[in-house]
Protein backbone atom coordinates (compact mmCIF):
# COMPACT_ATOMS: atom_id res chain seq x y z
CA UNK A 1 -0.01 0.17 0.14
CA UNK A 2 1.17 3.49 -0.98
CA UNK A 3 0.88 6.41 1.13
CA UNK A 4 1.69 10.12 0.21
CA UNK A 5 1.45 12.65 3.00
CA UNK A 6 -0.47 15.96 1.40
CA UNK A 7 2.65 18.06 2.07
CA UNK A 8 5.43 15.73 0.57
CA UNK A 9 5.42 17.49 -2.74
CA UNK A 10 6.20 20.92 -1.08
CA UNK A 11 8.79 19.11 1.39
CA UNK A 12 10.60 17.52 -1.59
CA UNK A 13 10.80 21.13 -3.36
CA UNK A 14 12.13 22.51 -0.20
CA UNK A 15 14.74 19.78 0.10
CA UNK A 16 15.76 20.48 -3.47
CA UNK A 17 16.23 24.29 -2.72
CA UNK A 18 18.75 23.37 0.16
CA UNK A 19 20.60 20.66 -1.74
CA UNK A 20 23.12 23.56 -3.28
CA UNK A 21 23.44 25.13 0.18
CA UNK A 22 24.68 21.72 1.54
CA UNK A 23 26.81 20.52 -0.93
CA UNK A 24 30.61 20.32 -0.18
CA UNK A 25 31.27 22.10 -3.59
CA UNK A 26 29.31 25.18 -2.64
CA UNK A 27 31.56 26.19 0.30
CA UNK A 28 31.83 29.82 -1.02
CA UNK A 29 28.17 30.21 -0.06
CA UNK A 30 28.69 29.73 3.70
CA UNK A 31 29.23 32.51 5.75
CA UNK A 32 32.14 31.76 8.40
CA UNK A 33 31.02 32.07 12.05
CA UNK A 34 32.79 34.93 13.64
CA UNK A 35 35.12 33.85 16.67
CA UNK A 36 36.68 36.86 18.09
CA UNK A 37 36.86 35.12 21.56
CA UNK A 38 38.00 31.43 20.58
CA UNK A 39 41.15 30.19 18.69
CA UNK A 40 41.91 26.86 17.22
CA UNK A 41 45.51 26.07 16.61
CA UNK A 42 47.06 23.89 14.11
CA UNK A 43 49.62 21.90 16.29
CA UNK A 44 52.00 21.56 13.06
CA UNK A 45 52.12 25.23 12.64
CA UNK A 46 52.17 26.15 16.31
CA UNK A 47 55.04 23.67 17.18
CA UNK A 48 57.11 25.18 14.12
CA UNK A 49 56.58 28.44 15.78
CA UNK A 50 55.09 30.11 12.67
CA UNK A 51 53.70 33.35 13.73
CA UNK A 52 49.74 33.27 14.68
CA UNK A 53 48.19 35.77 12.31
CA UNK A 54 44.96 36.51 14.32
CA UNK A 55 44.48 35.97 17.83
CA UNK A 56 41.33 36.55 20.21
CA UNK A 57 41.14 40.00 22.20
CA UNK A 58 42.06 38.39 25.69
CA UNK A 59 45.19 36.76 24.12
CA UNK A 60 48.31 38.96 23.78
CA UNK A 61 50.90 36.52 22.20
CA UNK A 62 51.69 32.75 21.93
CA UNK A 63 55.15 31.46 22.00
CA UNK A 64 56.67 27.64 22.05
CA UNK A 65 60.05 26.99 23.81
CA UNK A 66 61.93 23.72 24.10
CA UNK A 67 63.71 22.72 27.41
CA UNK A 68 65.34 19.90 29.28
CA UNK A 69 63.50 19.08 32.42
CA UNK A 70 65.69 18.73 35.69
CA UNK A 71 64.17 15.39 36.18
CA UNK A 72 66.13 12.73 34.18
CA UNK A 73 66.96 15.24 31.54
CA UNK A 74 63.90 14.42 29.75
CA UNK A 75 63.07 16.86 26.85
CA UNK A 76 59.81 18.77 27.34
CA UNK A 77 58.11 21.43 25.14
CA UNK A 78 56.10 24.53 26.58
CA UNK A 79 53.37 26.51 24.71
CA UNK A 80 52.90 29.80 26.55
CA UNK A 81 49.88 32.01 25.96
CA UNK A 82 50.22 35.71 27.38
CA UNK A 83 47.09 37.04 28.61
CA UNK A 84 45.55 40.49 28.45
CA UNK A 85 44.36 41.84 31.78
CA UNK A 86 40.68 41.79 30.63
CA UNK A 87 39.21 39.98 33.55
CA UNK A 88 35.56 41.24 32.84
CA UNK A 89 35.80 39.93 29.39
CA UNK A 90 37.65 36.57 30.12
CA UNK A 91 37.33 35.60 33.79
CA UNK A 92 38.10 32.17 32.58
CA UNK A 93 39.88 30.36 29.74
CA UNK A 94 38.71 27.00 28.65
CA UNK A 95 41.59 24.70 27.00
CA UNK A 96 40.61 21.46 24.76
CA UNK A 97 43.99 19.61 24.59
CA UNK A 98 44.08 16.59 22.47
CA UNK A 99 47.03 14.22 22.68
CA UNK A 100 47.91 10.85 20.82
CA UNK A 101 48.70 7.80 22.48
CA UNK A 102 52.30 7.59 23.69
CA UNK A 103 54.88 7.84 26.70
CA UNK A 104 54.82 10.95 28.93
CA UNK A 105 52.10 13.26 30.18
CA UNK A 106 51.24 16.96 29.84
CA UNK A 107 50.14 19.62 32.35
CA UNK A 108 48.56 22.98 32.16
CA UNK A 109 49.77 25.57 34.49
CA UNK A 110 49.01 29.36 35.11
CA UNK A 111 51.68 31.89 36.46
CA UNK A 112 51.62 35.52 37.67
CA UNK A 113 53.98 38.06 36.38
CA UNK A 114 56.20 37.47 39.14
CA UNK A 115 56.64 33.92 38.47
CA UNK A 116 54.20 32.64 41.18
CA UNK A 117 52.25 29.26 40.14
CA UNK A 118 48.67 30.12 40.77
CA UNK A 119 47.39 26.82 38.84
CA UNK A 120 48.35 23.44 38.00
CA UNK A 121 46.27 20.56 36.70
CA UNK A 122 47.02 16.86 37.32
CA UNK A 123 49.11 15.22 34.64
CA UNK A 124 47.02 13.80 31.70
CA UNK A 125 47.77 11.53 28.91
CA UNK A 126 47.59 7.91 27.94
CA UNK A 127 50.05 5.42 26.77
CA UNK A 128 47.47 3.46 25.03
CA UNK A 129 44.81 5.72 23.40
CA UNK A 130 44.04 9.30 22.32
CA UNK A 131 42.48 11.50 24.91
CA UNK A 132 41.22 15.12 24.93
CA UNK A 133 41.11 16.76 28.41
CA UNK A 134 39.10 20.07 29.02
CA UNK A 135 40.76 22.43 31.18
CA UNK A 136 39.10 25.59 32.76
CA UNK A 137 41.72 28.46 34.23
CA UNK A 138 40.69 31.17 36.26
CA UNK A 139 42.38 34.25 34.78
CA UNK A 140 42.27 36.16 38.22
CA UNK A 141 45.97 37.12 38.90
CA UNK A 142 47.32 34.96 35.98
CA UNK A 143 49.52 36.75 33.50
CA UNK A 144 50.30 33.70 31.34
CA UNK A 145 49.11 30.02 30.77
CA UNK A 146 51.39 27.39 29.86
CA UNK A 147 50.94 23.90 28.35
CA UNK A 148 53.69 21.60 29.08
CA UNK A 149 54.10 18.82 26.45
CA UNK A 150 56.48 15.71 26.48
CA UNK A 151 59.52 15.58 24.17
CA UNK A 152 59.13 17.66 21.01
CA UNK A 153 55.10 17.90 21.47
CA UNK A 154 54.60 15.79 18.48
CA UNK A 155 51.70 14.05 20.39
CA UNK A 156 49.70 17.36 20.13
CA UNK A 157 46.63 16.55 18.08
CA UNK A 158 44.48 19.58 18.59
CA UNK A 159 44.35 22.73 20.85
CA UNK A 160 41.53 24.99 21.29
CA UNK A 161 41.22 27.97 23.81
CA UNK A 162 38.21 30.42 24.49
CA UNK A 163 36.87 32.96 26.79
CA UNK A 164 34.28 31.97 29.23
CA UNK A 165 32.14 34.04 31.49
CA UNK A 166 29.52 33.67 34.06
CA UNK A 167 25.69 33.54 32.98
CA UNK A 168 22.93 33.50 35.62
CA UNK A 169 20.61 30.46 35.40
CA UNK A 170 17.97 29.13 37.69
CA UNK A 171 18.37 25.67 39.37
CA UNK A 172 16.50 23.66 41.53
CA UNK A 173 17.66 23.14 44.97
CA UNK A 174 16.46 19.68 45.71
CA UNK A 175 17.60 17.89 42.52
CA UNK A 176 20.98 17.01 41.46
CA UNK A 177 22.95 19.95 39.86
CA UNK A 178 23.38 20.58 36.21
CA UNK A 179 26.77 19.55 34.74
CA UNK A 180 29.09 22.79 34.19
CA UNK A 181 28.60 24.16 30.51
CA UNK A 182 31.65 24.30 28.43
CA UNK A 183 32.25 25.95 25.28
CA UNK A 184 31.07 23.24 22.98
CA UNK A 185 28.21 21.90 25.00
CA UNK A 186 29.57 18.70 26.47
CA UNK A 187 27.33 17.50 29.07
CA UNK A 188 30.09 15.22 31.16
CA UNK A 189 29.67 16.23 34.59
CA UNK A 190 32.35 18.02 36.49
CA UNK A 191 30.65 17.59 39.84
CA UNK A 192 31.78 14.58 41.85
CA UNK A 193 28.99 11.98 42.30
CA UNK A 194 27.80 11.20 46.00
CA UNK A 195 29.18 8.30 47.58
CA UNK A 196 26.19 7.86 49.71
CA UNK A 197 22.88 6.33 48.55
CA UNK A 198 20.17 9.00 48.42
CA UNK A 199 16.33 8.81 48.59
CA UNK A 200 14.03 11.47 47.08
CA UNK A 201 10.46 10.59 47.09
CA UNK A 202 9.88 7.32 44.99
CA UNK A 203 13.55 7.42 43.58
CA UNK A 204 16.61 5.78 45.08
CA UNK A 205 19.99 6.98 43.57
CA UNK A 206 23.32 5.10 44.02
CA UNK A 207 26.73 5.39 42.60
CA UNK A 208 27.93 1.78 41.30
CA UNK A 209 31.41 2.44 40.58
CA UNK A 210 33.44 6.10 40.45
CA UNK A 211 35.92 4.69 37.96
CA UNK A 212 37.52 5.19 35.67
CA UNK A 213 37.86 1.79 34.45
CA UNK A 214 39.10 0.62 30.78
CA UNK A 215 36.94 -1.36 28.21
CA UNK A 216 38.99 -3.55 25.98
CA UNK A 217 37.33 -5.30 23.11
CA UNK A 218 35.62 -8.64 23.79
CA UNK A 219 36.28 -8.27 27.37
CA UNK A 220 33.44 -7.63 29.52
CA UNK A 221 33.79 -5.38 32.75
CA UNK A 222 31.14 -6.51 35.40
CA UNK A 223 29.52 -4.59 38.01
CA UNK A 224 27.39 -6.11 40.73
CA UNK A 225 24.51 -4.15 42.97
CA UNK A 226 21.88 -5.42 45.36
CA UNK A 227 18.38 -4.19 45.74
CA UNK A 228 15.66 -5.27 48.16
CA UNK A 229 12.58 -5.32 45.93
CA UNK A 230 11.95 -5.10 42.13
CA UNK A 231 11.52 -1.37 41.10
CA UNK A 232 8.99 0.04 38.41
CA UNK A 233 11.85 1.20 36.47
CA UNK A 234 15.53 2.15 36.48
CA UNK A 235 17.77 4.61 34.86
CA UNK A 236 21.56 3.97 34.30
CA UNK A 237 24.06 7.00 33.99
CA UNK A 238 27.59 6.99 33.23
CA UNK A 239 30.27 9.01 31.22
CA UNK A 240 32.26 7.37 28.26
CA UNK A 241 35.52 8.74 26.91
CA UNK A 242 37.11 7.81 23.40
CA UNK A 243 33.63 6.41 22.27
CA UNK A 244 32.62 6.06 18.62
CA UNK A 245 29.16 8.04 18.41
CA UNK A 246 27.44 5.20 16.43
CA UNK A 247 28.85 2.21 18.66
CA UNK A 248 28.52 3.29 21.97
CA UNK A 249 29.57 0.46 24.74
CA UNK A 250 26.79 -2.62 24.70
CA UNK A 251 25.26 -3.31 28.19
CA UNK A 252 23.97 -6.39 29.52
CA UNK A 253 21.83 -6.89 32.82
CA UNK A 254 21.79 -10.17 34.23
CA UNK A 255 22.98 -11.87 30.81
CA UNK A 256 20.27 -10.15 28.99
CA UNK A 257 21.03 -7.42 26.27
CA UNK A 258 19.89 -3.97 26.78
CA UNK A 259 18.99 -1.60 23.86
CA UNK A 260 21.53 0.75 22.62
CA UNK A 261 22.29 3.49 25.19
CA UNK A 262 21.67 7.27 24.61
CA UNK A 263 24.58 9.52 24.08
CA UNK A 264 24.68 13.48 24.83
CA UNK A 265 26.63 14.55 21.93
CA UNK A 266 28.92 17.62 21.91
CA UNK A 267 28.88 20.34 19.02
CA UNK A 268 30.72 18.78 16.08
CA UNK A 269 32.98 21.86 16.02
CA UNK A 270 34.55 20.56 19.20
CA UNK A 271 38.16 19.56 18.40
CA UNK A 272 37.75 16.50 20.66
CA UNK A 273 36.14 14.89 17.44
CA UNK A 274 38.36 12.79 15.37
CA UNK A 275 37.86 10.80 12.29
CA UNK A 276 39.24 7.29 12.14
CA UNK A 277 39.48 5.26 8.95
CA UNK A 278 38.05 1.87 9.00
CA UNK A 279 40.58 -0.71 7.92
CA UNK A 280 39.90 -2.05 4.40
CA UNK A 281 37.15 0.32 3.41
CA UNK A 282 36.61 4.04 2.28
CA UNK A 283 34.54 4.90 5.47
CA UNK A 284 35.73 6.80 8.68
CA UNK A 285 34.31 6.64 12.18
CA UNK A 286 34.05 9.69 14.37
CA UNK A 287 35.50 9.11 17.78
CA UNK A 288 35.22 11.61 20.76
CA UNK A 289 38.45 11.95 22.85
CA UNK A 290 36.59 13.92 25.70
CA UNK A 291 33.90 12.53 28.26
CA UNK A 292 30.38 12.11 27.07
CA UNK A 293 27.44 11.27 29.16
CA UNK A 294 25.42 8.24 28.44
CA UNK A 295 21.80 7.10 29.74
CA UNK A 296 20.24 4.11 29.41
CA UNK A 297 16.55 3.20 30.68
CA UNK A 298 16.03 -0.03 32.30
CA UNK A 299 12.47 -1.85 32.56
CA UNK A 300 11.91 -2.89 36.12
CA UNK A 301 10.95 -6.48 35.21
CA UNK A 302 14.72 -6.77 34.26
CA UNK A 303 16.02 -5.98 37.60
CA UNK A 304 15.76 -8.77 40.06
CA UNK A 305 15.43 -8.63 43.96
CA UNK A 306 18.84 -9.66 45.44
CA UNK A 307 22.16 -9.40 43.38
CA UNK A 308 22.16 -8.05 39.76
CA UNK A 309 24.82 -8.32 37.29
CA UNK A 310 25.54 -5.64 34.98
CA UNK A 311 28.37 -6.07 32.20
CA UNK A 312 29.98 -3.33 29.88
CA UNK A 313 31.17 -4.51 26.53
CA UNK A 314 33.49 -2.75 24.17
CA UNK A 315 32.26 -3.46 20.25
CA UNK A 316 35.35 -1.72 18.71
CA UNK A 317 38.15 -3.89 18.41
CA UNK A 318 40.86 -1.26 17.52
CA UNK A 319 41.02 1.00 20.47
CA UNK A 320 39.69 0.83 24.15
CA UNK A 321 37.37 3.21 25.92
CA UNK A 322 37.15 4.52 29.41
CA UNK A 323 34.04 4.72 31.65
CA UNK A 324 33.64 6.35 34.81
CA UNK A 325 30.65 7.45 37.23
CA UNK A 326 28.24 4.77 36.87
CA UNK A 327 25.07 5.64 38.58
CA UNK A 328 21.85 4.03 38.89
CA UNK A 329 18.51 5.48 39.85
CA UNK A 330 15.60 3.11 40.84
CA UNK A 331 11.95 4.25 41.27
CA UNK A 332 9.35 2.69 43.47
CA UNK A 333 5.98 2.59 44.12
CA UNK A 334 4.68 4.19 46.97
């Protein structure tokens, strides 16, 4: 049986009108989005110490220096960003630093004009997988920010910096706080989960695993939790890094497969997105090197009174992913 919507002819005409605008050959028709407060560096150009032609208003200059560290005489490369004193314009600077897999780790610091260190991140980077870290630096008292990279900095895959400022929002006092917003709309939480189980009306919320733990191909990671009675329904929430958008981790509950989980995807302009070719084909997969928030609804009938077993499975055989902050909410009838 054929069915035709009465507006289908008009919809087709509208789609045909849009085709020239969306064609890759028509790039000249697109108006570039102005980015006066954000800069995305080309790593090769930056490390070759080529002059940056255009800088955002809050950034006075950028320089690269190579040093021999005191510890074990290891070579390091430092990218220095000199800040203009424009605190009302850029009270915070957000950095997105993408690193390829390899030995050594990176660190971000902020310094005053007199050489006093006022900010330092924990070391980050992985020997086995590409990662993207999001760092927010308060510019109060800071004259420059430094990104310290191992060796000649060749593992730097992406570097994006943007100004951030406060915006007033309304938020419920009783419910969980919303994640801190970043420049690209990534919903990964920056608020540490509560270690204690919490009850709110008919809902119980519990942290199953703070993580992070690594998922390897064809090797399940198992979490067990115990409940006193079967709920009406449940919701599982966690964060995953280095995931492929179209192939999120698979979940099994009590040896039964769950439907595909829902990922909260960041803006595609985010430099944490990275295309990876599929071996033996002309296709590519988009992998996100930062943290993505994932949610999974679970019907109450799939949970059993007593011990329940939750398995995480990685479908991609080429690169592992990381999982952290696995939480569950259970809803019970009064």
